[in-house]
Amino acid sequence: MALDLDGLIPATVLPMHADGSIDEPALREYIAWVVAQGPVALAINVDTGEGPHLTHDEKVRILNIVRDVTDTPIVAGLAGPSTDAAVRQARDFKAAGADALLVFPIPAYLSSPLNPAVPVAYHSAIAEVGLPLILFQLQPALAGVNYENDVLQAMAEVDGVVAIKEASFDARRFVDTARLLEQLPKKITLLTGNDNFILDSFLLGATGALIGWRGVSVVFGVAAAVIALLVLALVRESGTDRAAARAGGSSVDGLKRVLADRDMRWVFLTSVLGGGGRGLGVVNLFALIYLTRVLGLDEGTSGAMYGALIIFSVPMPLLAGWLSDRFGRKPLIIAAYLGGAIGFGIFIFAGSSLIWLWAGIVVMGLFSFAESPQLQALLADMSPPENRDAAYALYFTLAFGVGSLWTAVYGTVIEQLGEDVGVPVVFGLMALSFLLAALATLPIRTERPERPMPDERVEGLEA
């Protein structure tokens, strides 16, 4: 069977009974459902599937069940920890139907600096079993190892290594890994395991994704849950908006009222146009591509610039909010778009001048992160209570749904023109999108007459 790893390789979960035993009927049904979605392979007995907590016999049994259900290629997780144990496991996994092995980092790699001979010997021994190997770079916070370039190169050159799962959760390191693989004499497939920037990974060089969701659920889900509990405990609502929305009729009625409002329509158009140069998810991604893959700046310089750009994402929306409370939302929004367009221009026309590149980073950071929060604040100012829920639902659908398609457009431009030409063109399109967004802001009327709801609908809303 030819092993093609270009595509989605889901890390499957493991159905279990309350006593911790494998629920085999549920596993068969679940695997059949996953296969019907069209993955290029299945990752079995990895973190998402409880791999580190299973006995060897359980792992073999699971592989037998999966192979009985489907002919889809199987990537089996292999965790050692010793070389002899890893080789024995690899042989048994191959006999059970595995088509490739995802080789987890082992405790022996924790020495610093790591001697390349250690992982090379480990992977070489496993490769003698005759299955293709996938290297695994995993962030230390999840009990993994981020390899130095010399170590990673030595591991990639082992006969039998065909791919690497890069799950450092670090865009800068991901780019370095992609660049390293491009320089190797043989093709190594780059698989992303970065749940936090999956789409970005493909634009940065990945051709496949081997992912599950447990890691990102732990890393980001716990923090989100804490914030949610704090909001629940500390934020008090009067219920006026909710009551007004209910009195205003159905959700469809609310959407009709919002779409009938010409100023709202201009806000929505502005949000879609502004998505072309939005700081997080657009600018930060392509700035990194430009610095590393087009200009070829060293790791320290490009990392510092990228870090500075990200740092600006925190204080600038706060500062913009403080200024807009004093000078008005609309002037701040227009200024953010114009300033962002200027920043994009400086960044591209800087060439390789570090002084002007830093100037572009600073200007982009000052303005490209500030527009969306101010549009949301303007929407709150403009929306009467009965329309507010519908207005925000439509805003986020357009701003971050339709607006996110800009990234796909930019990726197509780069694919067609090549990085050297395509990335500068993309920044030109960002500048154009911000200029058009500034123009779309001009017709918005911020002074709006009061539009009371019909008497029969506001009954019961009095304090």
Protein backbone atom coordinates (compact mmCIF):
# COMPACT_ATOMS: atom_id res chain seq x y z
CA MET A 1 0.00 0.00 0.00
CA ALA A 2 1.42 3.37 -1.01
CA LEU A 3 1.61 5.73 1.97
CA ASP A 4 0.38 9.22 1.12
CA LEU A 5 0.47 11.55 4.15
CA ASP A 6 -0.61 14.73 2.34
CA GLY A 7 -3.95 15.51 3.96
CA LEU A 8 -5.77 15.03 7.24
CA ILE A 9 -4.66 12.30 9.63
CA PRO A 10 -7.00 12.39 12.64
CA ALA A 11 -5.70 11.22 15.99
CA THR A 12 -8.62 9.05 17.00
CA VAL A 13 -10.15 8.83 20.47
CA LEU A 14 -10.70 5.55 22.28
CA PRO A 15 -14.21 4.59 23.49
CA MET A 16 -13.95 2.96 26.92
CA HIS A 17 -16.23 1.44 29.54
CA ALA A 18 -16.55 2.93 33.01
CA ASP A 19 -14.08 0.35 34.33
CA GLY A 20 -11.39 1.48 31.85
CA SER A 21 -11.72 -1.45 29.44
CA ILE A 22 -12.00 -0.90 25.70
CA ASP A 23 -15.52 -0.59 24.31
CA GLU A 24 -14.86 -2.63 21.19
CA PRO A 25 -18.29 -2.29 19.51
CA ALA A 26 -18.19 1.48 19.99
CA LEU A 27 -14.61 1.58 18.67
CA ARG A 28 -15.62 -0.27 15.50
CA GLU A 29 -18.57 2.05 14.93
CA TYR A 30 -16.48 5.14 15.62
CA ILE A 31 -13.61 4.13 13.31
CA ALA A 32 -16.08 3.39 10.51
CA TRP A 33 -17.56 6.87 10.94
CA VAL A 34 -14.12 8.55 10.92
CA VAL A 35 -13.08 6.66 7.79
CA ALA A 36 -16.26 7.80 6.03
CA GLN A 37 -15.05 11.40 6.41
CA GLY A 38 -12.19 10.70 4.00
CA PRO A 39 -8.90 10.96 5.97
CA VAL A 40 -5.68 9.92 4.24
CA ALA A 41 -4.68 7.86 7.31
CA LEU A 42 -5.60 7.24 10.95
CA ALA A 43 -3.34 7.94 13.94
CA ILE A 44 -3.98 5.17 16.46
CA ASN A 45 -2.72 4.82 20.04
CA VAL A 46 -1.42 8.38 20.24
CA ASP A 47 -2.19 10.93 22.97
CA THR A 48 -5.80 11.54 21.96
CA GLY A 49 -6.43 7.79 21.93
CA GLU A 50 -4.98 7.24 25.42
CA GLY A 51 -1.83 5.68 23.94
CA PRO A 52 0.51 6.54 26.85
CA HIS A 53 -1.89 4.88 29.30
CA LEU A 54 -2.54 1.60 27.46
CA THR A 55 -0.79 -1.72 27.94
CA HIS A 56 1.09 -3.21 25.03
CA ASP A 57 -1.56 -5.91 24.58
CA GLU A 58 -4.30 -3.27 24.51
CA LYS A 59 -2.46 -1.32 21.82
CA VAL A 60 -2.08 -4.41 19.67
CA ARG A 61 -5.76 -5.30 20.16
CA ILE A 62 -6.84 -1.81 19.11
CA LEU A 63 -4.70 -2.00 15.97
CA ASN A 64 -6.23 -5.37 15.11
CA ILE A 65 -9.74 -3.95 15.50
CA VAL A 66 -9.00 -0.88 13.38
CA ARG A 67 -7.40 -2.99 10.65
CA ASP A 68 -10.44 -5.28 10.68
CA VAL A 69 -12.72 -2.29 10.14
CA THR A 70 -10.80 -0.48 7.40
CA ASP A 71 -7.96 -0.63 4.87
CA THR A 72 -7.16 3.05 5.51
CA PRO A 73 -3.45 3.43 6.35
CA ILE A 74 -2.70 3.28 10.08
CA VAL A 75 -0.07 5.40 11.81
CA ALA A 76 0.62 3.79 15.19
CA GLY A 77 2.04 5.71 18.13
CA LEU A 78 5.32 4.26 19.44
CA ALA A 79 6.67 5.38 22.81
CA GLY A 80 9.60 3.14 23.75
CA PRO A 81 11.04 4.09 26.19
CA SER A 82 14.06 1.83 25.57
CA THR A 83 15.41 0.87 22.16
CA ASP A 84 14.77 -2.85 22.68
CA ALA A 85 11.21 -2.20 23.85
CA ALA A 86 10.54 0.12 20.92
CA VAL A 87 11.77 -2.45 18.39
CA ARG A 88 9.59 -5.19 19.93
CA GLN A 89 6.59 -2.88 19.88
CA ALA A 90 7.26 -1.89 16.27
CA ARG A 91 7.33 -5.53 15.18
CA ASP A 92 4.07 -6.30 16.97
CA PHE A 93 2.40 -3.16 15.62
CA LYS A 94 3.47 -4.07 12.09
CA ALA A 95 2.02 -7.57 12.52
CA ALA A 96 -1.24 -6.03 13.79
CA GLY A 97 -1.66 -3.93 10.66
CA ALA A 98 0.21 -0.64 11.21
CA ASP A 99 1.50 1.03 8.04
CA ALA A 100 3.73 3.65 9.70
CA LEU A 101 4.97 4.64 13.15
CA LEU A 102 4.76 8.00 14.92
CA VAL A 103 7.86 7.86 17.13
CA PHE A 104 7.35 9.77 20.37
CA PRO A 105 10.23 11.52 22.15
CA ILE A 106 11.69 9.45 25.00
CA PRO A 107 13.27 10.45 28.35
CA ALA A 108 16.76 9.90 26.93
CA TYR A 109 16.24 13.05 24.83
CA LEU A 110 15.94 15.31 27.85
CA SER A 111 19.69 15.78 28.23
CA SER A 112 20.96 19.19 27.21
CA PRO A 113 22.56 19.53 24.79
CA LEU A 114 21.14 16.42 23.12
CA ASN A 115 23.76 14.39 21.28
CA PRO A 116 22.32 13.68 17.79
CA ALA A 117 23.73 10.16 17.96
CA VAL A 118 21.17 9.24 20.64
CA PRO A 119 17.95 9.79 18.63
CA VAL A 120 19.64 8.67 15.42
CA ALA A 121 20.53 5.29 16.93
CA TYR A 122 17.03 4.94 18.39
CA HIS A 123 15.23 5.71 15.14
CA SER A 124 17.66 3.64 13.05
CA ALA A 125 16.94 0.55 15.15
CA ILE A 126 13.19 1.04 14.83
CA ALA A 127 13.47 1.64 11.08
CA GLU A 128 14.98 -1.84 10.62
CA VAL A 129 11.51 -3.25 11.35
CA GLY A 130 10.52 -2.01 7.90
CA LEU A 131 7.80 0.57 8.56
CA PRO A 132 8.04 4.25 7.57
CA LEU A 133 8.79 6.53 10.51
CA ILE A 134 7.29 9.90 11.41
CA LEU A 135 9.41 12.07 13.70
CA PHE A 136 7.61 13.95 16.46
CA GLN A 137 8.59 17.44 17.60
CA LEU A 138 6.36 18.29 20.56
CA GLN A 139 6.47 21.27 22.86
CA PRO A 140 8.05 20.55 26.28
CA ALA A 141 4.90 21.74 28.08
CA LEU A 142 3.23 18.59 26.74
CA ALA A 143 6.14 16.34 27.76
CA GLY A 144 7.87 16.63 24.39
CA VAL A 145 11.14 17.93 22.97
CA ASN A 146 11.94 20.83 20.65
CA TYR A 147 14.96 19.64 18.69
CA GLU A 148 17.90 21.82 17.71
CA ASN A 149 18.39 22.06 13.95
CA ASP A 150 21.47 19.81 13.87
CA VAL A 151 19.65 17.10 15.82
CA LEU A 152 16.52 17.33 13.69
CA GLN A 153 18.53 17.17 10.48
CA ALA A 154 20.40 14.10 11.65
CA MET A 155 17.14 12.39 12.60
CA ALA A 156 15.50 13.28 9.28
CA GLU A 157 18.40 11.73 7.38
CA VAL A 158 17.80 8.30 8.96
CA ASP A 159 16.72 5.76 6.34
CA GLY A 160 13.02 5.11 6.76
CA VAL A 161 12.07 8.55 8.08
CA VAL A 162 9.43 9.95 5.72
CA ALA A 163 7.74 12.74 7.69
CA ILE A 164 7.75 14.87 10.82
CA LYS A 165 4.86 15.92 12.97
CA GLU A 166 5.68 19.47 14.10
CA ALA A 167 3.72 20.36 17.24
CA SER A 168 5.86 22.97 18.95
CA PHE A 169 2.88 25.40 18.98
CA ASP A 170 5.48 27.99 17.95
CA ALA A 171 5.09 29.59 14.50
CA ARG A 172 8.69 30.75 14.48
CA ARG A 173 10.02 27.23 15.14
CA PHE A 174 7.58 25.81 12.61
CA VAL A 175 9.01 28.06 9.91
CA ASP A 176 12.56 27.06 10.86
CA THR A 177 11.61 23.40 10.60
CA ALA A 178 9.99 23.90 7.20
CA ARG A 179 13.09 25.71 5.95
CA LEU A 180 15.35 22.91 7.24
CA LEU A 181 13.31 20.22 5.51
CA GLU A 182 13.48 22.10 2.21
CA GLN A 183 17.28 21.86 2.31
CA LEU A 184 17.42 18.08 2.78
CA PRO A 185 18.33 15.84 -0.15
CA LYS A 186 15.22 13.68 0.30
CA LYS A 187 11.58 14.63 0.64
CA ILE A 188 10.29 14.76 4.21
CA THR A 189 6.56 15.43 4.56
CA LEU A 190 5.78 18.22 7.02
CA LEU A 191 2.71 17.42 9.10
CA THR A 192 1.32 20.07 11.40
CA GLY A 193 0.23 19.16 14.88
CA ASN A 194 -0.30 22.79 15.86
CA ASP A 195 -3.96 23.01 16.81
CA ASN A 196 -3.51 26.73 17.48
CA PHE A 197 -2.62 27.64 13.86
CA ILE A 198 -3.72 24.81 11.58
CA LEU A 199 -4.60 26.93 8.54
CA ASP A 200 -1.49 29.05 8.98
CA SER A 201 0.60 25.86 9.04
CA PHE A 202 -0.43 24.98 5.50
CA LEU A 203 0.49 28.43 4.28
CA LEU A 204 3.86 28.06 6.01
CA GLY A 205 4.71 24.78 4.31
CA ALA A 206 2.76 21.87 5.81
CA THR A 207 1.14 19.44 3.39
CA GLY A 208 -0.70 17.39 5.99
CA ALA A 209 -2.06 17.52 9.53
CA LEU A 210 -1.83 14.86 12.21
CA ILE A 211 -3.98 16.29 14.95
CA GLY A 212 -6.23 15.55 17.86
CA TRP A 213 -7.84 18.06 20.19
CA ARG A 214 -6.85 16.93 23.67
CA GLY A 215 -3.70 19.05 23.84
CA VAL A 216 -5.34 22.24 22.75
CA SER A 217 -8.30 21.54 25.03
CA VAL A 218 -5.97 21.36 28.01
CA VAL A 219 -3.75 24.29 27.05
CA PHE A 220 -6.48 26.69 25.99
CA GLY A 221 -9.68 25.15 27.31
CA VAL A 222 -8.73 25.39 30.98
CA ALA A 223 -7.86 29.06 30.64
CA ALA A 224 -11.13 29.71 28.79
CA ALA A 225 -13.08 27.89 31.48
CA VAL A 226 -11.46 29.99 34.22
CA ILE A 227 -12.32 33.19 32.36
CA ALA A 228 -15.89 31.99 31.86
CA LEU A 229 -16.26 31.29 35.58
CA LEU A 230 -14.88 34.73 36.42
CA VAL A 231 -17.36 36.36 34.03
CA LEU A 232 -20.19 34.36 35.57
CA ALA A 233 -19.12 35.35 39.08
CA LEU A 234 -18.21 39.00 38.57
CA VAL A 235 -20.29 40.36 35.68
CA ARG A 236 -23.84 41.40 36.46
CA GLU A 237 -26.51 41.84 33.78
CA SER A 238 -29.67 43.87 34.19
CA GLY A 239 -31.52 41.76 31.63
CA THR A 240 -32.77 44.83 29.76
CA ASP A 241 -31.21 43.87 26.42
CA ARG A 242 -32.48 40.30 26.67
CA ALA A 243 -35.99 41.43 27.47
CA ALA A 244 -35.90 43.97 24.65
CA ALA A 245 -34.72 41.35 22.16
CA ARG A 246 -37.54 39.01 23.18
CA ALA A 247 -40.07 41.79 22.98
CA GLY A 248 -38.71 42.69 19.54
CA GLY A 249 -39.84 39.42 18.04
CA SER A 250 -37.93 36.45 16.62
CA SER A 251 -34.26 36.30 15.64
CA VAL A 252 -35.34 36.57 12.02
CA ASP A 253 -37.21 39.78 12.85
CA GLY A 254 -34.08 41.13 14.50
CA LEU A 255 -31.91 40.31 11.46
CA LYS A 256 -34.43 41.97 9.16
CA ARG A 257 -34.31 45.16 11.22
CA VAL A 258 -30.52 45.13 11.25
CA LEU A 259 -30.23 44.59 7.50
CA ALA A 260 -32.76 47.35 6.86
CA ASP A 261 -30.47 49.81 8.67
CA ARG A 262 -28.18 51.47 6.11
CA ASP A 263 -25.60 52.47 8.72
CA MET A 264 -25.39 48.89 9.98
CA ARG A 265 -24.81 47.70 6.44
CA TRP A 266 -21.85 50.08 6.13
CA VAL A 267 -20.43 48.77 9.41
CA PHE A 268 -20.67 45.19 8.15
CA LEU A 269 -19.02 46.08 4.85
CA THR A 270 -16.26 47.86 6.74
CA SER A 271 -15.67 44.78 8.90
CA VAL A 272 -15.33 42.51 5.85
CA LEU A 273 -12.94 44.88 4.08
CA GLY A 274 -10.93 45.41 7.26
CA GLY A 275 -10.45 41.66 7.56
CA GLY A 276 -7.91 41.95 4.76
CA GLY A 277 -5.36 43.53 7.10
CA ARG A 278 -6.50 42.40 10.52
CA GLY A 279 -3.64 42.00 13.00
CA LEU A 280 -4.15 38.51 14.42
CA GLY A 281 -4.58 35.70 11.92
CA VAL A 282 -3.62 37.76 8.87
CA VAL A 283 -0.83 40.30 9.39
CA ASN A 284 1.10 38.24 11.94
CA LEU A 285 1.09 35.20 9.63
CA PHE A 286 2.26 36.89 6.45
CA ALA A 287 4.74 39.13 8.24
CA LEU A 288 6.48 36.00 9.49
CA ILE A 289 6.51 34.48 6.00
CA TYR A 290 7.98 37.67 4.57
CA LEU A 291 10.69 38.02 7.21
CA THR A 292 11.84 34.41 7.13
CA ARG A 293 11.10 32.98 3.70
CA VAL A 294 11.38 36.05 1.46
CA LEU A 295 13.99 38.20 3.20
CA GLY A 296 15.72 35.27 4.89
CA LEU A 297 16.45 37.15 8.11
CA ASP A 298 18.24 35.30 10.87
CA GLU A 299 16.24 33.66 13.63
CA GLY A 300 17.03 36.27 16.27
CA THR A 301 16.03 39.28 14.16
CA SER A 302 12.89 37.82 12.65
CA GLY A 303 11.87 36.39 16.02
CA ALA A 304 12.28 39.77 17.71
CA MET A 305 10.23 41.51 15.01
CA TYR A 306 7.50 38.90 15.11
CA GLY A 307 7.40 39.05 18.90
CA ALA A 308 7.13 42.84 18.86
CA LEU A 309 4.23 42.65 16.42
CA ILE A 310 2.37 40.19 18.64
CA ILE A 311 3.05 42.22 21.79
CA PHE A 312 1.29 45.20 20.23
CA SER A 313 -1.92 43.15 20.02
CA VAL A 314 -2.47 43.58 23.77
CA PRO A 315 -2.11 47.31 24.60
CA MET A 316 -3.26 48.89 21.34
CA PRO A 317 -6.97 47.93 21.50
CA LEU A 318 -7.01 49.25 25.09
CA LEU A 319 -5.37 52.53 24.10
CA ALA A 320 -7.66 52.89 21.08
CA GLY A 321 -10.69 52.35 23.31
CA TRP A 322 -9.52 55.05 25.72
CA LEU A 323 -8.96 57.48 22.83
CA SER A 324 -12.26 56.70 21.13
CA ASP A 325 -14.15 57.43 24.34
CA ARG A 326 -12.71 60.94 24.14
CA PHE A 327 -12.58 61.66 20.41
CA GLY A 328 -15.24 59.36 18.97
CA ARG A 329 -15.29 55.87 17.47
CA LYS A 330 -15.45 56.85 13.83
CA PRO A 331 -12.31 59.06 13.76
CA LEU A 332 -10.34 56.34 15.57
CA ILE A 333 -11.51 53.65 13.17
CA ILE A 334 -10.56 55.71 10.13
CA ALA A 335 -7.20 56.56 11.68
CA ALA A 336 -6.56 52.87 12.41
CA TYR A 337 -7.22 51.92 8.79
CA LEU A 338 -5.11 54.73 7.34
CA GLY A 339 -2.28 54.09 9.80
CA GLY A 340 -2.37 50.38 9.07
CA ALA A 341 -2.21 50.98 5.31
CA ILE A 342 0.84 53.22 5.83
CA GLY A 343 2.44 50.53 7.99
CA PHE A 344 1.97 47.89 5.29
CA GLY A 345 3.57 50.21 2.76
CA ILE A 346 6.58 50.96 4.96
CA PHE A 347 7.07 47.27 5.68
CA ILE A 348 7.18 46.23 2.04
CA PHE A 349 9.09 49.19 0.61
CA ALA A 350 11.68 48.82 3.39
CA GLY A 351 13.37 46.04 1.43
CA SER A 352 16.12 44.58 3.60
CA SER A 353 16.67 47.77 5.62
CA LEU A 354 16.34 46.74 9.25
CA ILE A 355 15.57 50.31 10.36
CA TRP A 356 12.63 50.63 8.00
CA LEU A 357 11.47 47.07 8.65
CA TRP A 358 11.30 47.89 12.35
CA ALA A 359 9.44 51.09 11.49
CA GLY A 360 6.92 49.05 9.51
CA ILE A 361 6.53 46.56 12.38
CA VAL A 362 5.88 49.37 14.85
CA VAL A 363 3.34 51.17 12.65
CA MET A 364 1.54 47.94 11.76
CA GLY A 365 1.47 46.99 15.42
CA LEU A 366 0.09 50.37 16.41
CA PHE A 367 -2.82 50.29 14.01
CA SER A 368 -3.68 46.86 12.56
CA PHE A 369 -4.87 45.39 15.88
CA ALA A 370 -7.10 48.31 16.88
CA GLU A 371 -9.80 48.38 14.21
CA SER A 372 -12.02 45.41 15.09
CA PRO A 373 -12.57 46.27 18.79
CA GLN A 374 -13.52 49.80 17.79
CA LEU A 375 -15.98 48.57 15.18
CA GLN A 376 -17.56 46.40 17.85
CA ALA A 377 -17.80 49.38 20.20
CA LEU A 378 -19.37 51.47 17.42
CA LEU A 379 -21.87 48.69 16.80
CA ALA A 380 -22.83 48.73 20.49
CA ASP A 381 -23.33 52.50 20.35
CA MET A 382 -25.52 52.28 17.25
CA SER A 383 -27.65 49.22 18.04
CA PRO A 384 -30.89 49.66 19.97
CA PRO A 385 -31.33 46.95 22.62
CA GLU A 386 -33.84 44.94 20.62
CA ASN A 387 -31.38 44.62 17.70
CA ARG A 388 -28.10 44.19 19.55
CA ASP A 389 -27.93 40.38 19.64
CA ALA A 390 -28.78 40.09 15.96
CA ALA A 391 -26.34 42.86 15.05
CA TYR A 392 -23.43 41.19 16.82
CA ALA A 393 -24.29 37.75 15.45
CA LEU A 394 -24.16 39.13 11.92
CA TYR A 395 -21.04 41.19 12.63
CA PHE A 396 -18.96 38.24 13.84
CA THR A 397 -20.21 36.03 11.02
CA LEU A 398 -19.04 38.56 8.46
CA ALA A 399 -15.93 39.91 10.18
CA PHE A 400 -14.40 36.59 11.18
CA GLY A 401 -16.23 34.20 8.85
CA VAL A 402 -16.32 35.90 5.48
CA GLY A 403 -13.43 38.11 6.56
CA SER A 404 -11.23 35.07 7.18
CA LEU A 405 -11.48 34.18 3.49
CA TRP A 406 -8.88 36.89 2.92
CA THR A 407 -6.27 34.41 4.14
CA ALA A 408 -7.35 31.88 1.53
CA VAL A 409 -7.20 34.56 -1.18
CA TYR A 410 -3.73 35.59 -0.09
CA GLY A 411 -2.57 31.97 -0.06
CA THR A 412 -3.78 31.57 -3.64
CA VAL A 413 -1.94 34.74 -4.70
CA ILE A 414 1.31 33.45 -3.20
CA GLU A 415 0.82 30.02 -4.75
CA GLN A 416 0.33 31.55 -8.19
CA LEU A 417 3.06 34.21 -8.04
CA GLY A 418 5.59 32.54 -5.77
CA GLU A 419 6.69 33.85 -2.39
CA ASP A 420 9.19 36.44 -3.61
CA VAL A 421 6.56 38.26 -5.66
CA GLY A 422 3.36 37.05 -4.04
CA VAL A 423 4.02 38.10 -0.43
CA PRO A 424 4.74 41.77 -1.31
CA VAL A 425 1.60 41.73 -3.46
CA VAL A 426 -0.35 40.39 -0.48
CA PHE A 427 0.81 43.29 1.69
CA GLY A 428 -0.24 45.65 -1.09
CA LEU A 429 -3.69 44.05 -1.01
CA MET A 430 -3.76 44.48 2.76
CA ALA A 431 -3.08 48.19 2.34
CA LEU A 432 -5.80 48.41 -0.30
CA SER A 433 -8.30 46.59 1.94
CA PHE A 434 -7.62 49.03 4.78
CA LEU A 435 -8.00 52.05 2.48
CA LEU A 436 -11.33 50.69 1.22
CA ALA A 437 -12.42 50.00 4.80
CA ALA A 438 -11.61 53.62 5.72
CA LEU A 439 -13.76 54.81 2.81
CA ALA A 440 -16.59 52.48 3.86
CA THR A 441 -16.48 54.03 7.34
CA LEU A 442 -17.16 57.55 6.07
CA PRO A 443 -20.90 57.15 5.29
CA ILE A 444 -21.67 55.72 8.75
CA ARG A 445 -23.85 58.12 10.76
CA THR A 446 -22.90 57.96 14.42
CA GLU A 447 -25.55 60.49 15.52
CA ARG A 448 -28.74 58.53 15.24
CA PRO A 449 -32.28 59.46 16.21
CA GLU A 450 -33.96 57.50 18.96
CA ARG A 451 -36.25 54.82 17.59
CA PRO A 452 -38.51 53.63 20.41
CA MET A 453 -40.10 50.25 20.12
CA PRO A 454 -43.88 50.03 19.82
CA ASP A 455 -45.61 50.52 23.16
CA GLU A 456 -46.97 47.01 23.26
CA ARG A 457 -43.48 45.58 22.92
CA VAL A 458 -41.79 47.60 25.64
CA GLU A 459 -44.41 46.76 28.23
CA GLY A 460 -42.71 45.25 31.24
CA LEU A 461 -39.30 46.73 30.45
CA GLU A 462 -39.63 49.71 32.76
CA ALA A 463 -37.30 49.68 35.73
